[in-house]
Amino acid sequence: MFYLWAGGNAEQFKKLVSPIIHEHKIENKIIDIESMPELHIGDVCLGFGTQAVEALQKGGLVPKNRTITSLRGTEIPVKSGKASFFLTYAAGITSKDYARKVDIEWDLKLAIRKYTTGNISPPIGEYRYVNTFIEAIDRINHLHNTTNKKVPVALDLETMGLDPFNPEKRIISISITVDE
């Protein structure tokens, strides 16, 4: 089972997680933060907020003096590694700090990946270096001409920095993905 272990504003919580849960079509159960979930083999639980951290610390599953920030993205195995906890920020933080919404969505998708694939690592694709994008453009044109529909394309830029106005920084690489 996939568990969402949370408290706080239920409406805000559901608004945040429902689209992602629906997208992945996984059965799930919401557990109130006041109760410690009992995981079984194959279960994954995403805990929201400091109360989840404190409960796992009290249970000896995570070290004392750790924060959500330091525990995000870390699988906390139980049942000899056959079930897992993950931690993220409380959903309520998103009304004050929008950047945490993106972090929570990332953490939710990471926990879902563990639940659906048994692994937190993404599948590794086939990458290769090319000097031009002619092949990708031809593939996009072919798919569009074949289906007469918009073609989903992922584009990723790797840059030397985050300041777009710094003349010393430049694009290092461009990745284009056409086929999933």
C-alpha atoms as a PDB file:
ATOM      1  CA  MET A   1       0.000   0.000   0.000  1.00  0.00           C
ATOM      2  CA  PHE A   2       1.102   3.568  -0.620  1.00  0.00           C
ATOM      3  CA  TYR A   3       0.571   5.723   2.474  1.00  0.00           C
ATOM      4  CA  LEU A   4       0.415   9.487   2.815  1.00  0.00           C
ATOM      5  CA  TRP A   5       1.133  10.326   6.458  1.00  0.00           C
ATOM      6  CA  ALA A   6       0.054  13.886   7.126  1.00  0.00           C
ATOM      7  CA  GLY A   7      -1.769  16.374   9.291  1.00  0.00           C
ATOM      8  CA  GLY A   8      -2.759  19.997   8.971  1.00  0.00           C
ATOM      9  CA  ASN A   9      -5.168  21.462   6.463  1.00  0.00           C
ATOM     10  CA  ALA A  10      -6.745  18.449   4.733  1.00  0.00           C
ATOM     11  CA  GLU A  11      -8.112  20.507   1.836  1.00  0.00           C
ATOM     12  CA  GLN A  12      -4.726  22.065   1.069  1.00  0.00           C
ATOM     13  CA  PHE A  13      -3.050  18.667   1.389  1.00  0.00           C
ATOM     14  CA  LYS A  14      -5.464  16.965  -1.028  1.00  0.00           C
ATOM     15  CA  LYS A  15      -5.183  19.831  -3.518  1.00  0.00           C
ATOM     16  CA  LEU A  16      -1.411  19.375  -3.515  1.00  0.00           C
ATOM     17  CA  VAL A  17      -1.144  15.577  -3.775  1.00  0.00           C
ATOM     18  CA  SER A  18      -4.333  14.523  -5.606  1.00  0.00           C
ATOM     19  CA  PRO A  19      -3.235  15.452  -9.153  1.00  0.00           C
ATOM     20  CA  ILE A  20      -0.014  13.442  -8.828  1.00  0.00           C
ATOM     21  CA  ILE A  21      -1.701  10.458  -7.174  1.00  0.00           C
ATOM     22  CA  HIS A  22      -4.379  10.513  -9.890  1.00  0.00           C
ATOM     23  CA  GLU A  23      -1.749  10.785 -12.649  1.00  0.00           C
ATOM     24  CA  HIS A  24       0.011   7.652 -11.399  1.00  0.00           C
ATOM     25  CA  LYS A  25      -3.231   5.769 -10.679  1.00  0.00           C
ATOM     26  CA  ILE A  26      -2.018   4.210  -7.450  1.00  0.00           C
ATOM     27  CA  GLU A  27      -4.099   2.975  -4.573  1.00  0.00           C
ATOM     28  CA  ASN A  28      -3.302   4.976  -1.459  1.00  0.00           C
ATOM     29  CA  LYS A  29      -4.377   5.618   2.072  1.00  0.00           C
ATOM     30  CA  ILE A  30      -4.067   8.820   4.092  1.00  0.00           C
ATOM     31  CA  ILE A  31      -2.995   8.313   7.697  1.00  0.00           C
ATOM     32  CA  ASP A  32      -3.324  11.053  10.304  1.00  0.00           C
ATOM     33  CA  ILE A  33       0.043  12.304  11.538  1.00  0.00           C
ATOM     34  CA  GLU A  34      -0.971  11.475  15.119  1.00  0.00           C
ATOM     35  CA  SER A  35      -0.769   7.712  14.367  1.00  0.00           C
ATOM     36  CA  MET A  36       2.447   5.899  13.450  1.00  0.00           C
ATOM     37  CA  PRO A  37       1.811   3.813  10.313  1.00  0.00           C
ATOM     38  CA  GLU A  38       2.530   0.089  10.528  1.00  0.00           C
ATOM     39  CA  LEU A  39       4.192  -0.803   7.239  1.00  0.00           C
ATOM     40  CA  HIS A  40       4.168  -4.254   5.703  1.00  0.00           C
ATOM     41  CA  ILE A  41       6.362  -5.731   2.997  1.00  0.00           C
ATOM     42  CA  GLY A  42       6.022  -3.704  -0.204  1.00  0.00           C
ATOM     43  CA  ASP A  43       4.536  -0.651   1.504  1.00  0.00           C
ATOM     44  CA  VAL A  44       5.847   2.872   0.996  1.00  0.00           C
ATOM     45  CA  CYS A  45       4.922   5.806   3.226  1.00  0.00           C
ATOM     46  CA  LEU A  46       5.583   9.490   2.578  1.00  0.00           C
ATOM     47  CA  GLY A  47       5.560  11.458   5.845  1.00  0.00           C
ATOM     48  CA  PHE A  48       4.771  15.168   5.732  1.00  0.00           C
ATOM     49  CA  GLY A  49       6.259  17.687   8.148  1.00  0.00           C
ATOM     50  CA  THR A  50       8.281  17.779  11.331  1.00  0.00           C
ATOM     51  CA  GLN A  51       5.802  15.608  13.219  1.00  0.00           C
ATOM     52  CA  ALA A  52       6.657  12.723  10.878  1.00  0.00           C
ATOM     53  CA  VAL A  53      10.379  13.325  11.425  1.00  0.00           C
ATOM     54  CA  GLU A  54       9.919  13.416  15.191  1.00  0.00           C
ATOM     55  CA  ALA A  55       7.866  10.196  15.192  1.00  0.00           C
ATOM     56  CA  LEU A  56      10.531   8.381  13.155  1.00  0.00           C
ATOM     57  CA  GLN A  57      13.231   9.741  15.454  1.00  0.00           C
ATOM     58  CA  LYS A  58      11.290   8.542  18.490  1.00  0.00           C
ATOM     59  CA  GLY A  59      11.003   5.121  16.848  1.00  0.00           C
ATOM     60  CA  GLY A  60      14.762   5.060  16.237  1.00  0.00           C
ATOM     61  CA  LEU A  61      14.397   5.045  12.453  1.00  0.00           C
ATOM     62  CA  VAL A  62      16.189   8.339  11.832  1.00  0.00           C
ATOM     63  CA  PRO A  63      18.947  10.020  13.866  1.00  0.00           C
ATOM     64  CA  LYS A  64      18.162  12.858  16.260  1.00  0.00           C
ATOM     65  CA  ASN A  65      18.953  16.435  15.238  1.00  0.00           C
ATOM     66  CA  ARG A  66      18.128  15.870  11.568  1.00  0.00           C
ATOM     67  CA  THR A  67      15.844  18.164   9.598  1.00  0.00           C
ATOM     68  CA  ILE A  68      13.393  17.495   6.788  1.00  0.00           C
ATOM     69  CA  THR A  69      15.797  19.218   4.412  1.00  0.00           C
ATOM     70  CA  SER A  70      18.582  16.795   5.322  1.00  0.00           C
ATOM     71  CA  LEU A  71      16.277  13.758   5.074  1.00  0.00           C
ATOM     72  CA  ARG A  72      14.462  14.567   1.826  1.00  0.00           C
ATOM     73  CA  GLY A  73      15.236  12.148  -0.993  1.00  0.00           C
ATOM     74  CA  THR A  74      16.548   9.565   1.461  1.00  0.00           C
ATOM     75  CA  GLU A  75      14.861   6.197   1.663  1.00  0.00           C
ATOM     76  CA  ILE A  76      14.329   5.085   5.255  1.00  0.00           C
ATOM     77  CA  PRO A  77      14.068   1.296   5.023  1.00  0.00           C
ATOM     78  CA  VAL A  78      12.077  -0.851   7.447  1.00  0.00           C
ATOM     79  CA  LYS A  79      11.146  -4.547   7.431  1.00  0.00           C
ATOM     80  CA  SER A  80      14.689  -5.495   6.377  1.00  0.00           C
ATOM     81  CA  GLY A  81      14.494  -3.051   3.475  1.00  0.00           C
ATOM     82  CA  LYS A  82      11.233  -4.434   2.124  1.00  0.00           C
ATOM     83  CA  ALA A  83       9.178  -1.338   3.097  1.00  0.00           C
ATOM     84  CA  SER A  84      10.164   2.312   3.148  1.00  0.00           C
ATOM     85  CA  PHE A  85       9.472   5.703   4.619  1.00  0.00           C
ATOM     86  CA  PHE A  86      10.246   8.974   2.852  1.00  0.00           C
ATOM     87  CA  LEU A  87       9.936  12.482   4.282  1.00  0.00           C
ATOM     88  CA  THR A  88       8.936  15.851   2.904  1.00  0.00           C
ATOM     89  CA  TYR A  89       7.703  19.240   4.060  1.00  0.00           C
ATOM     90  CA  ALA A  90       4.211  19.775   5.484  1.00  0.00           C
ATOM     91  CA  ALA A  91       1.744  20.769   2.780  1.00  0.00           C
ATOM     92  CA  GLY A  92       0.860  23.963   4.664  1.00  0.00           C
ATOM     93  CA  ILE A  93       4.279  25.469   3.988  1.00  0.00           C
ATOM     94  CA  THR A  94       3.320  25.991   0.337  1.00  0.00           C
ATOM     95  CA  SER A  95       1.055  28.929   1.239  1.00  0.00           C
ATOM     96  CA  LYS A  96       4.145  30.770   2.551  1.00  0.00           C
ATOM     97  CA  ASP A  97       6.924  29.357   0.369  1.00  0.00           C
ATOM     98  CA  TYR A  98       5.948  28.297  -3.148  1.00  0.00           C
ATOM     99  CA  ALA A  99       9.344  26.669  -3.807  1.00  0.00           C
ATOM    100  CA  ARG A 100       8.461  24.009  -1.231  1.00  0.00           C
ATOM    101  CA  LYS A 101       5.489  22.981  -3.426  1.00  0.00           C
ATOM    102  CA  VAL A 102       7.913  21.859  -6.095  1.00  0.00           C
ATOM    103  CA  ASP A 103      10.005  20.043  -3.466  1.00  0.00           C
ATOM    104  CA  ILE A 104       6.935  18.223  -2.113  1.00  0.00           C
ATOM    105  CA  GLU A 105       5.864  17.198  -5.612  1.00  0.00           C
ATOM    106  CA  TRP A 106       9.382  15.870  -6.278  1.00  0.00           C
ATOM    107  CA  ASP A 107       9.388  13.912  -3.014  1.00  0.00           C
ATOM    108  CA  LEU A 108       5.950  12.495  -3.740  1.00  0.00           C
ATOM    109  CA  LYS A 109       7.039  11.334  -7.185  1.00  0.00           C
ATOM    110  CA  LEU A 110      10.198   9.786  -5.711  1.00  0.00           C
ATOM    111  CA  ALA A 111       8.141   7.802  -3.190  1.00  0.00           C
ATOM    112  CA  ILE A 112       5.734   6.750  -5.949  1.00  0.00           C
ATOM    113  CA  ARG A 113       8.688   5.584  -8.062  1.00  0.00           C
ATOM    114  CA  LYS A 114       9.857   3.411  -5.167  1.00  0.00           C
ATOM    115  CA  TYR A 115       6.341   2.019  -4.717  1.00  0.00           C
ATOM    116  CA  THR A 116       5.747   1.269  -8.394  1.00  0.00           C
ATOM    117  CA  THR A 117       9.223   0.101  -9.450  1.00  0.00           C
ATOM    118  CA  GLY A 118      10.917  -0.982  -6.219  1.00  0.00           C
ATOM    119  CA  ASN A 119      13.738   1.471  -6.869  1.00  0.00           C
ATOM    120  CA  ILE A 120      14.318   5.187  -6.314  1.00  0.00           C
ATOM    121  CA  SER A 121      16.752   5.545  -9.221  1.00  0.00           C
ATOM    122  CA  PRO A 122      15.220   6.647 -12.510  1.00  0.00           C
ATOM    123  CA  PRO A 123      15.629   4.376 -15.504  1.00  0.00           C
ATOM    124  CA  ILE A 124      18.779   5.242 -17.431  1.00  0.00           C
ATOM    125  CA  GLY A 125      18.178   6.125 -21.031  1.00  0.00           C
ATOM    126  CA  GLU A 126      20.395   5.927 -24.033  1.00  0.00           C
ATOM    127  CA  TYR A 127      22.351   9.129 -24.441  1.00  0.00           C
ATOM    128  CA  ARG A 128      24.726  10.162 -27.153  1.00  0.00           C
ATOM    129  CA  TYR A 129      26.529  13.275 -28.221  1.00  0.00           C
ATOM    130  CA  VAL A 130      25.538  14.902 -31.517  1.00  0.00           C
ATOM    131  CA  ASN A 131      26.760  18.042 -33.273  1.00  0.00           C
ATOM    132  CA  THR A 132      23.349  19.075 -34.631  1.00  0.00           C
ATOM    133  CA  PHE A 133      19.688  18.573 -33.814  1.00  0.00           C
ATOM    134  CA  ILE A 134      18.717  17.523 -37.353  1.00  0.00           C
ATOM    135  CA  GLU A 135      17.872  13.964 -36.292  1.00  0.00           C
ATOM    136  CA  ALA A 136      15.635  15.162 -33.426  1.00  0.00           C
ATOM    137  CA  ILE A 137      13.919  17.712 -35.657  1.00  0.00           C
ATOM    138  CA  ASP A 138      13.344  15.056 -38.329  1.00  0.00           C
ATOM    139  CA  ARG A 139      11.854  12.729 -35.689  1.00  0.00           C
ATOM    140  CA  ILE A 140       9.529  15.480 -34.417  1.00  0.00           C
ATOM    141  CA  ASN A 141       8.425  16.289 -37.983  1.00  0.00           C
ATOM    142  CA  HIS A 142       7.853  12.588 -38.737  1.00  0.00           C
ATOM    143  CA  LEU A 143       5.722  12.089 -35.602  1.00  0.00           C
ATOM    144  CA  HIS A 144       3.721  15.230 -36.327  1.00  0.00           C
ATOM    145  CA  ASN A 145       3.144  14.279 -39.960  1.00  0.00           C
ATOM    146  CA  THR A 146       2.153  10.721 -38.976  1.00  0.00           C
ATOM    147  CA  THR A 147      -0.280  11.654 -36.201  1.00  0.00           C
ATOM    148  CA  ASN A 148      -1.211  15.215 -37.163  1.00  0.00           C
ATOM    149  CA  LYS A 149      -0.962  16.027 -33.436  1.00  0.00           C
ATOM    150  CA  LYS A 150       1.364  18.056 -31.266  1.00  0.00           C
ATOM    151  CA  VAL A 151       4.512  16.147 -30.378  1.00  0.00           C
ATOM    152  CA  PRO A 152       5.612  16.234 -26.716  1.00  0.00           C
ATOM    153  CA  VAL A 153       9.250  17.255 -26.482  1.00  0.00           C
ATOM    154  CA  ALA A 154      11.455  17.612 -23.398  1.00  0.00           C
ATOM    155  CA  LEU A 155      14.239  20.169 -23.570  1.00  0.00           C
ATOM    156  CA  ASP A 156      16.900  20.593 -20.884  1.00  0.00           C
ATOM    157  CA  LEU A 157      19.648  23.194 -20.799  1.00  0.00           C
ATOM    158  CA  GLU A 158      22.736  22.778 -18.660  1.00  0.00           C
ATOM    159  CA  THR A 159      24.290  26.124 -17.901  1.00  0.00           C
ATOM    160  CA  MET A 160      27.304  27.450 -16.014  1.00  0.00           C
ATOM    161  CA  GLY A 161      25.170  29.373 -13.538  1.00  0.00           C
ATOM    162  CA  LEU A 162      21.712  30.551 -12.597  1.00  0.00           C
ATOM    163  CA  ASP A 163      22.137  34.219 -13.496  1.00  0.00           C
ATOM    164  CA  PRO A 164      20.776  34.605 -17.055  1.00  0.00           C
ATOM    165  CA  PHE A 165      22.310  38.085 -17.423  1.00  0.00           C
ATOM    166  CA  ASN A 166      25.894  37.213 -16.537  1.00  0.00           C
ATOM    167  CA  PRO A 167      27.941  37.492 -19.751  1.00  0.00           C
ATOM    168  CA  GLU A 168      30.566  35.099 -18.324  1.00  0.00           C
ATOM    169  CA  LYS A 169      28.067  32.224 -18.124  1.00  0.00           C
ATOM    170  CA  ARG A 170      26.914  30.163 -21.069  1.00  0.00           C
ATOM    171  CA  ILE A 171      25.000  27.059 -22.092  1.00  0.00           C
ATOM    172  CA  ILE A 172      27.089  23.913 -21.709  1.00  0.00           C
ATOM    173  CA  SER A 173      24.722  21.383 -23.246  1.00  0.00           C
ATOM    174  CA  ILE A 174      21.212  20.983 -24.596  1.00  0.00           C
ATOM    175  CA  SER A 175      19.271  17.735 -24.288  1.00  0.00           C
ATOM    176  CA  ILE A 176      16.248  16.927 -26.408  1.00  0.00           C
ATOM    177  CA  THR A 177      13.984  13.971 -25.756  1.00  0.00           C
ATOM    178  CA  VAL A 178      11.248  13.140 -28.236  1.00  0.00           C
ATOM    179  CA  ASP A 179      10.270   9.542 -27.503  1.00  0.00           C
ATOM    180  CA  GLU A 180       9.442   8.454 -23.972  1.00  0.00           C
END
